[in-house]
């Protein structure tokens, strides 16, 4: 659905890929990470600013449709990882 200036990015598929949240367990994380590897609309890009400088494994993605950027941070218990939009 377009808004009044013709922008469809508010309904982009990247916003529906997963709720912005942490992961319930390792299986949840690995399933989501694998889905990103096969995604047509989310492509890996270089990380330019780490979420936390404590050695967490982090990957960034950019949506090829709306150009939003997303970060995926691997869990490191008790930290449950995160999938969030980079603003």
N, C-alpha and C. Protein backbone atom coordinates (compact mmCIF):
# COMPACT_ATOMS: atom_id res chain seq x y z
N UNK A 1 0.84 -1.19 0.00
CA UNK A 1 0.00 0.00 0.00
C UNK A 1 0.88 1.24 0.00
N UNK A 2 0.61 2.15 -0.90
CA UNK A 2 1.37 3.39 -0.97
C UNK A 2 0.77 4.44 -0.05
N UNK A 3 1.66 5.26 0.55
CA UNK A 3 1.15 6.41 1.29
C UNK A 3 0.98 7.58 0.32
N UNK A 4 0.62 8.72 0.80
CA UNK A 4 0.24 9.81 -0.11
C UNK A 4 1.37 10.33 -0.98
N UNK A 5 2.65 10.06 -0.64
CA UNK A 5 3.73 10.52 -1.50
C UNK A 5 4.34 9.37 -2.32
N UNK A 6 3.63 8.20 -2.35
CA UNK A 6 4.05 7.10 -3.20
C UNK A 6 5.08 6.18 -2.59
N UNK A 7 5.34 6.28 -1.30
CA UNK A 7 6.34 5.47 -0.62
C UNK A 7 5.70 4.17 -0.13
N UNK A 8 6.23 3.04 -0.58
CA UNK A 8 5.71 1.74 -0.16
C UNK A 8 6.59 1.10 0.91
N UNK A 9 7.63 1.77 1.38
CA UNK A 9 8.60 1.17 2.29
C UNK A 9 8.02 0.82 3.65
N UNK A 10 6.92 1.44 4.05
CA UNK A 10 6.32 1.12 5.35
C UNK A 10 5.73 -0.29 5.36
N UNK A 11 5.51 -0.86 4.20
CA UNK A 11 4.96 -2.22 4.09
C UNK A 11 5.99 -3.20 3.53
N UNK A 12 7.24 -2.82 3.56
CA UNK A 12 8.29 -3.64 2.96
C UNK A 12 8.37 -5.00 3.64
N UNK A 13 8.75 -5.99 2.87
CA UNK A 13 8.88 -7.36 3.39
C UNK A 13 9.90 -7.46 4.51
N UNK A 14 10.91 -6.60 4.51
CA UNK A 14 11.93 -6.68 5.56
C UNK A 14 11.34 -6.39 6.94
N UNK A 15 10.28 -5.61 6.99
CA UNK A 15 9.62 -5.33 8.27
C UNK A 15 8.82 -6.52 8.77
N UNK A 16 8.54 -7.44 7.87
CA UNK A 16 7.73 -8.61 8.23
C UNK A 16 8.58 -9.87 8.39
N UNK A 17 9.88 -9.76 8.16
CA UNK A 17 10.76 -10.93 8.21
C UNK A 17 10.78 -11.55 9.61
N UNK A 18 10.82 -10.71 10.62
CA UNK A 18 10.84 -11.17 12.01
C UNK A 18 10.59 -9.95 12.89
N UNK A 19 9.91 -10.18 14.00
CA UNK A 19 9.76 -9.09 14.97
C UNK A 19 11.14 -8.68 15.46
N UNK A 20 11.27 -7.40 15.75
CA UNK A 20 12.52 -6.89 16.32
C UNK A 20 12.59 -7.40 17.74
N UNK A 21 13.54 -8.31 17.98
CA UNK A 21 13.60 -8.95 19.29
C UNK A 21 14.84 -9.81 19.41
N UNK A 22 14.97 -10.44 20.56
CA UNK A 22 16.03 -11.41 20.78
C UNK A 22 15.52 -12.79 20.37
N UNK A 23 16.34 -13.80 20.58
CA UNK A 23 16.00 -15.16 20.16
C UNK A 23 15.69 -16.00 21.39
N UNK A 24 14.74 -16.95 21.24
CA UNK A 24 14.34 -17.75 22.39
C UNK A 24 15.37 -18.83 22.71
N UNK A 25 16.13 -19.29 21.68
CA UNK A 25 17.17 -20.29 21.91
C UNK A 25 18.09 -20.34 20.68
N UNK A 26 19.10 -21.20 20.73
CA UNK A 26 20.04 -21.30 19.61
C UNK A 26 19.36 -21.76 18.33
N UNK A 27 18.43 -22.69 18.45
CA UNK A 27 17.74 -23.18 17.26
C UNK A 27 16.99 -22.04 16.57
N UNK A 28 16.33 -21.20 17.34
CA UNK A 28 15.62 -20.03 16.81
C UNK A 28 16.60 -19.13 16.06
N UNK A 29 17.75 -18.87 16.67
CA UNK A 29 18.77 -18.02 16.03
C UNK A 29 19.25 -18.64 14.72
N UNK A 30 19.65 -19.93 14.77
CA UNK A 30 20.20 -20.58 13.58
C UNK A 30 19.18 -20.67 12.45
N UNK A 31 17.92 -20.93 12.76
CA UNK A 31 16.88 -20.97 11.73
C UNK A 31 16.73 -19.60 11.07
N UNK A 32 16.74 -18.55 11.88
CA UNK A 32 16.60 -17.21 11.31
C UNK A 32 17.83 -16.84 10.48
N UNK A 33 19.03 -17.12 11.00
CA UNK A 33 20.26 -16.81 10.26
C UNK A 33 20.27 -17.55 8.91
N UNK A 34 19.83 -18.78 8.90
CA UNK A 34 19.77 -19.54 7.65
C UNK A 34 18.76 -18.92 6.68
N UNK A 35 17.65 -18.44 7.19
CA UNK A 35 16.66 -17.80 6.31
C UNK A 35 17.24 -16.55 5.67
N UNK A 36 18.12 -15.86 6.37
CA UNK A 36 18.76 -14.67 5.82
C UNK A 36 19.72 -15.04 4.69
N UNK A 37 20.40 -16.18 4.83
CA UNK A 37 21.33 -16.63 3.79
C UNK A 37 20.61 -16.88 2.47
N UNK A 38 19.34 -17.25 2.54
CA UNK A 38 18.56 -17.56 1.33
C UNK A 38 17.62 -16.43 0.92
N UNK A 39 17.73 -15.30 1.60
CA UNK A 39 16.84 -14.18 1.32
C UNK A 39 17.20 -13.48 0.02
N UNK A 40 16.19 -13.18 -0.75
CA UNK A 40 16.37 -12.41 -1.99
C UNK A 40 16.41 -10.91 -1.71
N UNK A 41 15.79 -10.49 -0.62
CA UNK A 41 15.64 -9.06 -0.37
C UNK A 41 16.60 -8.50 0.68
N UNK A 42 17.25 -9.36 1.46
CA UNK A 42 18.20 -8.88 2.46
C UNK A 42 19.59 -9.38 2.11
N UNK A 43 20.48 -8.45 1.82
CA UNK A 43 21.83 -8.79 1.40
C UNK A 43 22.83 -8.33 2.47
N UNK A 44 23.82 -9.18 2.74
CA UNK A 44 24.83 -8.85 3.74
C UNK A 44 25.68 -7.66 3.29
N UNK A 45 25.96 -6.76 4.23
CA UNK A 45 26.80 -5.60 3.98
C UNK A 45 27.85 -5.52 5.10
N UNK A 46 28.90 -4.74 4.92
CA UNK A 46 29.91 -4.61 5.97
C UNK A 46 29.35 -3.96 7.24
N UNK A 47 29.85 -4.42 8.37
CA UNK A 47 29.48 -3.83 9.67
C UNK A 47 30.33 -2.58 9.86
N UNK A 48 29.67 -1.46 10.14
CA UNK A 48 30.44 -0.22 10.31
C UNK A 48 30.49 0.27 11.75
N UNK A 49 29.63 -0.24 12.62
CA UNK A 49 29.64 0.16 14.03
C UNK A 49 29.05 -0.99 14.84
N UNK A 50 29.88 -1.60 15.68
CA UNK A 50 29.43 -2.77 16.42
C UNK A 50 28.38 -2.44 17.46
N UNK A 51 27.48 -3.38 17.67
CA UNK A 51 26.43 -3.26 18.70
C UNK A 51 27.07 -3.13 20.08
N UNK A 52 28.04 -3.97 20.35
CA UNK A 52 28.78 -3.92 21.61
C UNK A 52 30.19 -4.42 21.31
N UNK A 53 31.17 -3.74 21.81
CA UNK A 53 32.56 -4.09 21.53
C UNK A 53 33.08 -5.11 22.54
N UNK A 54 32.41 -6.28 22.58
CA UNK A 54 32.81 -7.32 23.51
C UNK A 54 32.99 -8.67 22.81
N UNK A 55 33.22 -8.64 21.51
CA UNK A 55 33.48 -9.86 20.77
C UNK A 55 32.27 -10.62 20.29
N UNK A 56 31.11 -10.02 20.32
CA UNK A 56 29.90 -10.67 19.79
C UNK A 56 29.98 -10.76 18.27
N UNK A 57 29.47 -11.84 17.72
CA UNK A 57 29.46 -12.01 16.26
C UNK A 57 28.25 -11.25 15.71
N UNK A 58 28.53 -10.31 14.83
CA UNK A 58 27.49 -9.43 14.31
C UNK A 58 27.56 -9.38 12.80
N UNK A 59 26.39 -9.38 12.16
CA UNK A 59 26.28 -9.29 10.72
C UNK A 59 25.23 -8.23 10.39
N UNK A 60 25.50 -7.44 9.36
CA UNK A 60 24.53 -6.43 8.93
C UNK A 60 23.96 -6.83 7.58
N UNK A 61 22.72 -6.39 7.36
CA UNK A 61 22.01 -6.65 6.12
C UNK A 61 21.34 -5.37 5.65
N UNK A 62 21.19 -5.24 4.33
CA UNK A 62 20.44 -4.12 3.75
C UNK A 62 19.34 -4.69 2.88
N UNK A 63 18.16 -4.11 3.03
CA UNK A 63 17.02 -4.51 2.22
C UNK A 63 17.20 -3.94 0.81
N UNK A 64 17.07 -4.79 -0.19
CA UNK A 64 17.23 -4.34 -1.57
C UNK A 64 16.01 -3.57 -2.07
N UNK A 65 14.89 -3.64 -1.33
CA UNK A 65 13.68 -2.93 -1.73
C UNK A 65 13.63 -1.52 -1.16
N UNK A 66 13.78 -1.39 0.17
CA UNK A 66 13.60 -0.09 0.81
C UNK A 66 14.91 0.50 1.37
N UNK A 67 15.98 -0.28 1.34
CA UNK A 67 17.32 0.13 1.78
C UNK A 67 17.46 0.33 3.29
N UNK A 68 16.52 -0.20 4.05
CA UNK A 68 16.71 -0.22 5.50
C UNK A 68 17.88 -1.14 5.81
N UNK A 69 18.58 -0.83 6.91
CA UNK A 69 19.69 -1.65 7.35
C UNK A 69 19.32 -2.34 8.65
N UNK A 70 19.77 -3.59 8.79
CA UNK A 70 19.43 -4.43 9.92
C UNK A 70 20.69 -5.06 10.50
N UNK A 71 20.68 -5.29 11.81
CA UNK A 71 21.80 -5.98 12.45
C UNK A 71 21.31 -7.27 13.09
N UNK A 72 22.14 -8.28 12.93
CA UNK A 72 21.91 -9.58 13.54
C UNK A 72 23.11 -9.83 14.45
N UNK A 73 22.85 -9.99 15.75
CA UNK A 73 23.91 -10.26 16.71
C UNK A 73 23.67 -11.63 17.31
N UNK A 74 24.69 -12.48 17.22
CA UNK A 74 24.59 -13.84 17.72
C UNK A 74 24.45 -13.85 19.23
N UNK A 75 23.66 -14.77 19.76
CA UNK A 75 23.54 -14.89 21.21
C UNK A 75 24.88 -15.25 21.87
N UNK A 76 25.04 -14.79 23.08
CA UNK A 76 26.17 -15.15 23.94
C UNK A 76 25.62 -15.14 25.36
N UNK A 77 25.01 -16.27 25.76
CA UNK A 77 24.28 -16.31 27.04
C UNK A 77 25.06 -15.68 28.19
N UNK A 78 24.35 -14.90 29.00
CA UNK A 78 22.90 -14.77 29.07
C UNK A 78 22.28 -13.82 28.03
N UNK A 79 23.12 -13.11 27.24
CA UNK A 79 22.59 -12.26 26.16
C UNK A 79 21.95 -13.15 25.11
N UNK A 80 20.72 -12.83 24.69
CA UNK A 80 19.94 -13.68 23.79
C UNK A 80 20.05 -13.29 22.33
N UNK A 81 21.03 -12.44 21.99
CA UNK A 81 21.15 -12.00 20.61
C UNK A 81 20.09 -10.98 20.27
N UNK A 82 20.18 -10.45 19.05
CA UNK A 82 19.20 -9.44 18.66
C UNK A 82 19.11 -9.33 17.13
N UNK A 83 17.92 -9.01 16.68
CA UNK A 83 17.64 -8.63 15.29
C UNK A 83 16.95 -7.28 15.38
N UNK A 84 17.58 -6.24 14.83
CA UNK A 84 16.99 -4.91 14.92
C UNK A 84 17.38 -4.06 13.73
N UNK A 85 16.55 -3.08 13.47
CA UNK A 85 16.83 -2.11 12.42
C UNK A 85 17.89 -1.14 12.92
N UNK A 86 18.80 -0.79 12.04
CA UNK A 86 19.83 0.20 12.37
C UNK A 86 19.29 1.56 11.96
N UNK A 87 19.25 2.45 12.89
CA UNK A 87 18.70 3.80 12.61
C UNK A 87 19.82 4.81 12.48
